[in-house]
Amino acid sequence: MSVGFTEYIFGENMEGLIERADGLLYKAKQEGRNRICASLAQLGLKKAR
């Protein structure tokens, strides 16, 4: 199973969050089986609490 994982960035719309997670999922699939690709919130941006 491959997974794309990302964090919500405060103020971001749901479409942007899903697009980023979807891109990471495809990246994980391209890298092979049983992979996880993650992207954490960028420094300087507020995360949801």
C-alpha atoms as a PDB file:
ATOM      1  CA  MET A   1       0.000   0.000   0.000  1.00  0.00           C
ATOM      2  CA  SER A   2       1.322   3.466  -0.915  1.00  0.00           C
ATOM      3  CA  VAL A   3       0.320   6.600   0.992  1.00  0.00           C
ATOM      4  CA  GLY A   4       0.582  10.355   0.451  1.00  0.00           C
ATOM      5  CA  PHE A   5       0.580  12.265   3.740  1.00  0.00           C
ATOM      6  CA  THR A   6       0.539  16.018   4.324  1.00  0.00           C
ATOM      7  CA  GLU A   7      -0.434  18.541   6.969  1.00  0.00           C
ATOM      8  CA  TYR A   8      -3.153  21.131   6.736  1.00  0.00           C
ATOM      9  CA  ILE A   9      -1.784  24.666   6.464  1.00  0.00           C
ATOM     10  CA  PHE A  10      -3.892  27.249   8.290  1.00  0.00           C
ATOM     11  CA  GLY A  11      -6.062  29.162   5.829  1.00  0.00           C
ATOM     12  CA  GLU A  12      -5.644  26.616   3.049  1.00  0.00           C
ATOM     13  CA  ASN A  13      -8.714  25.430   1.181  1.00  0.00           C
ATOM     14  CA  MET A  14      -9.641  21.743   1.083  1.00  0.00           C
ATOM     15  CA  GLU A  15      -8.911  21.488  -2.647  1.00  0.00           C
ATOM     16  CA  GLY A  16      -5.281  22.544  -2.139  1.00  0.00           C
ATOM     17  CA  LEU A  17      -4.814  20.060   0.685  1.00  0.00           C
ATOM     18  CA  ILE A  18      -6.249  17.194  -1.368  1.00  0.00           C
ATOM     19  CA  GLU A  19      -4.207  18.106  -4.459  1.00  0.00           C
ATOM     20  CA  ARG A  20      -0.992  18.066  -2.430  1.00  0.00           C
ATOM     21  CA  ALA A  21      -1.841  14.721  -0.784  1.00  0.00           C
ATOM     22  CA  ASP A  22      -2.841  13.267  -4.165  1.00  0.00           C
ATOM     23  CA  GLY A  23       0.458  14.344  -5.738  1.00  0.00           C
ATOM     24  CA  LEU A  24       2.351  12.703  -2.885  1.00  0.00           C
ATOM     25  CA  LEU A  25       0.349   9.499  -3.337  1.00  0.00           C
ATOM     26  CA  TYR A  26       1.311   9.327  -7.013  1.00  0.00           C
ATOM     27  CA  LYS A  27       4.940  10.033  -6.109  1.00  0.00           C
ATOM     28  CA  ALA A  28       4.852   7.156  -3.610  1.00  0.00           C
ATOM     29  CA  LYS A  29       3.388   4.832  -6.241  1.00  0.00           C
ATOM     30  CA  GLN A  30       6.094   5.795  -8.742  1.00  0.00           C
ATOM     31  CA  GLU A  31       8.815   5.034  -6.188  1.00  0.00           C
ATOM     32  CA  GLY A  32       7.610   1.467  -5.742  1.00  0.00           C
ATOM     33  CA  ARG A  33       5.428  -0.646  -3.515  1.00  0.00           C
ATOM     34  CA  ASN A  34       4.659   0.016   0.142  1.00  0.00           C
ATOM     35  CA  ARG A  35       5.916   3.604   0.235  1.00  0.00           C
ATOM     36  CA  ILE A  36       4.931   6.685   2.189  1.00  0.00           C
ATOM     37  CA  CYS A  37       5.624  10.187   0.858  1.00  0.00           C
ATOM     38  CA  ALA A  38       5.054  13.028   3.298  1.00  0.00           C
ATOM     39  CA  SER A  39       5.129  16.801   3.218  1.00  0.00           C
ATOM     40  CA  LEU A  40       5.019  18.760   6.461  1.00  0.00           C
ATOM     41  CA  ALA A  41       3.711  22.300   6.839  1.00  0.00           C
ATOM     42  CA  GLN A  42       6.293  24.868   5.842  1.00  0.00           C
ATOM     43  CA  LEU A  43       8.039  26.913   8.508  1.00  0.00           C
ATOM     44  CA  GLY A  44       6.504  30.288   9.117  1.00  0.00           C
ATOM     45  CA  LEU A  45       2.964  29.175   8.350  1.00  0.00           C
ATOM     46  CA  LYS A  46       0.486  28.500  11.133  1.00  0.00           C
ATOM     47  CA  LYS A  47      -0.829  24.958  11.498  1.00  0.00           C
ATOM     48  CA  ALA A  48      -4.418  24.272  12.562  1.00  0.00           C
ATOM     49  CA  ARG A  49      -4.832  23.362  16.197  1.00  0.00           C
END
